[in-house]
Amino acid sequence: MMGATHWTLWALLGLGTTGFWAIVAYAAGSLFGRVDPEAPLATGARAELDEQLARGQIGIDEYQQRRQHLADGH
């Protein structure tokens, strides 16, 4: 009878430990694994350029030229 209780307690301890670490992993993933969907994708000149294209203020050719200009560091 003692042997059965002994193994039952070890099984419960193992399940409890596994459950604990599963909760820790889930919490860490929730805190660090998400990107805020409302955060801006870019900042500065690149963001302004992206917005101008999205609003239709510039065409794709001008967008690509300006983007290359920014990438070159000018």
C-alpha atoms as a PDB file:
ATOM      1  CA  MET A   1       0.000   0.000   0.000  1.00  0.00           C
ATOM      2  CA  MET A   2       2.841   2.398   0.807  1.00  0.00           C
ATOM      3  CA  GLY A   3       4.378   1.813  -2.635  1.00  0.00           C
ATOM      4  CA  ALA A   4       1.245   2.853  -4.480  1.00  0.00           C
ATOM      5  CA  THR A   5       0.940   6.060  -2.466  1.00  0.00           C
ATOM      6  CA  HIS A   6       4.625   6.792  -3.006  1.00  0.00           C
ATOM      7  CA  TRP A   7       4.352   6.609  -6.815  1.00  0.00           C
ATOM      8  CA  THR A   8       1.088   8.543  -6.815  1.00  0.00           C
ATOM      9  CA  LEU A   9       2.727  11.388  -4.951  1.00  0.00           C
ATOM     10  CA  TRP A  10       5.686  11.403  -7.361  1.00  0.00           C
ATOM     11  CA  ALA A  11       3.270  11.486 -10.329  1.00  0.00           C
ATOM     12  CA  LEU A  12       1.362  14.403  -8.816  1.00  0.00           C
ATOM     13  CA  LEU A  13       4.617  16.218  -8.084  1.00  0.00           C
ATOM     14  CA  GLY A  14       5.718  15.736 -11.695  1.00  0.00           C
ATOM     15  CA  LEU A  15       2.395  16.963 -13.067  1.00  0.00           C
ATOM     16  CA  GLY A  16       2.441  19.955 -10.740  1.00  0.00           C
ATOM     17  CA  THR A  17       5.966  20.886 -11.755  1.00  0.00           C
ATOM     18  CA  THR A  18       5.125  20.529 -15.452  1.00  0.00           C
ATOM     19  CA  GLY A  19       2.007  22.648 -14.987  1.00  0.00           C
ATOM     20  CA  PHE A  20       3.954  25.324 -13.153  1.00  0.00           C
ATOM     21  CA  TRP A  21       6.564  25.634 -15.905  1.00  0.00           C
ATOM     22  CA  ALA A  22       3.843  25.622 -18.570  1.00  0.00           C
ATOM     23  CA  ILE A  23       2.225  28.606 -16.864  1.00  0.00           C
ATOM     24  CA  VAL A  24       5.586  30.387 -16.603  1.00  0.00           C
ATOM     25  CA  ALA A  25       6.289  29.774 -20.298  1.00  0.00           C
ATOM     26  CA  TYR A  26       2.822  30.998 -21.292  1.00  0.00           C
ATOM     27  CA  ALA A  27       3.210  34.160 -19.196  1.00  0.00           C
ATOM     28  CA  ALA A  28       6.646  34.879 -20.666  1.00  0.00           C
ATOM     29  CA  GLY A  29       5.302  34.382 -24.179  1.00  0.00           C
ATOM     30  CA  SER A  30       2.411  36.714 -23.467  1.00  0.00           C
ATOM     31  CA  LEU A  31       4.670  39.421 -22.098  1.00  0.00           C
ATOM     32  CA  PHE A  32       7.567  39.266 -24.530  1.00  0.00           C
ATOM     33  CA  GLY A  33       6.270  37.511 -27.616  1.00  0.00           C
ATOM     34  CA  ARG A  34       3.704  40.008 -28.789  1.00  0.00           C
ATOM     35  CA  VAL A  35       4.127  43.067 -30.911  1.00  0.00           C
ATOM     36  CA  ASP A  36       1.706  45.879 -30.200  1.00  0.00           C
ATOM     37  CA  PRO A  37      -0.542  45.949 -33.288  1.00  0.00           C
ATOM     38  CA  GLU A  38      -1.225  49.646 -32.750  1.00  0.00           C
ATOM     39  CA  ALA A  39       2.434  50.632 -32.577  1.00  0.00           C
ATOM     40  CA  PRO A  40       3.840  52.433 -35.598  1.00  0.00           C
ATOM     41  CA  LEU A  41       5.808  50.233 -37.970  1.00  0.00           C
ATOM     42  CA  ALA A  42       8.501  52.794 -38.591  1.00  0.00           C
ATOM     43  CA  THR A  43       9.571  56.176 -37.289  1.00  0.00           C
ATOM     44  CA  GLY A  44      11.062  59.283 -38.766  1.00  0.00           C
ATOM     45  CA  ALA A  45      11.596  59.926 -42.451  1.00  0.00           C
ATOM     46  CA  ARG A  46      10.803  56.354 -43.512  1.00  0.00           C
ATOM     47  CA  ALA A  47       7.443  56.477 -41.720  1.00  0.00           C
ATOM     48  CA  GLU A  48       6.565  59.770 -43.370  1.00  0.00           C
ATOM     49  CA  LEU A  49       7.510  58.351 -46.763  1.00  0.00           C
ATOM     50  CA  ASP A  50       5.359  55.273 -46.167  1.00  0.00           C
ATOM     51  CA  GLU A  51       2.429  57.478 -45.170  1.00  0.00           C
ATOM     52  CA  GLN A  52       2.780  59.646 -48.267  1.00  0.00           C
ATOM     53  CA  LEU A  53       2.597  56.548 -50.456  1.00  0.00           C
ATOM     54  CA  ALA A  54      -0.374  55.201 -48.518  1.00  0.00           C
ATOM     55  CA  ARG A  55      -2.251  58.507 -48.889  1.00  0.00           C
ATOM     56  CA  GLY A  56      -1.520  58.597 -52.629  1.00  0.00           C
ATOM     57  CA  GLN A  57       0.537  61.777 -52.411  1.00  0.00           C
ATOM     58  CA  ILE A  58       3.442  60.142 -54.249  1.00  0.00           C
ATOM     59  CA  GLY A  59       3.640  57.337 -56.781  1.00  0.00           C
ATOM     60  CA  ILE A  60       5.493  54.055 -56.459  1.00  0.00           C
ATOM     61  CA  ASP A  61       8.418  55.240 -58.625  1.00  0.00           C
ATOM     62  CA  GLU A  62       8.975  58.344 -56.518  1.00  0.00           C
ATOM     63  CA  TYR A  63       8.561  56.256 -53.355  1.00  0.00           C
ATOM     64  CA  GLN A  64      11.251  53.811 -54.475  1.00  0.00           C
ATOM     65  CA  GLN A  65      13.623  56.648 -55.417  1.00  0.00           C
ATOM     66  CA  ARG A  66      13.169  58.397 -52.075  1.00  0.00           C
ATOM     67  CA  ARG A  67      13.473  55.134 -50.168  1.00  0.00           C
ATOM     68  CA  GLN A  68      16.751  54.347 -51.932  1.00  0.00           C
ATOM     69  CA  HIS A  69      17.934  57.862 -51.173  1.00  0.00           C
ATOM     70  CA  LEU A  70      17.190  57.323 -47.472  1.00  0.00           C
ATOM     71  CA  ALA A  71      18.888  53.914 -47.505  1.00  0.00           C
ATOM     72  CA  ASP A  72      22.021  55.461 -49.001  1.00  0.00           C
ATOM     73  CA  GLY A  73      22.175  57.837 -46.047  1.00  0.00           C
ATOM     74  CA  HIS A  74      21.378  61.086 -47.779  1.00  0.00           C
END
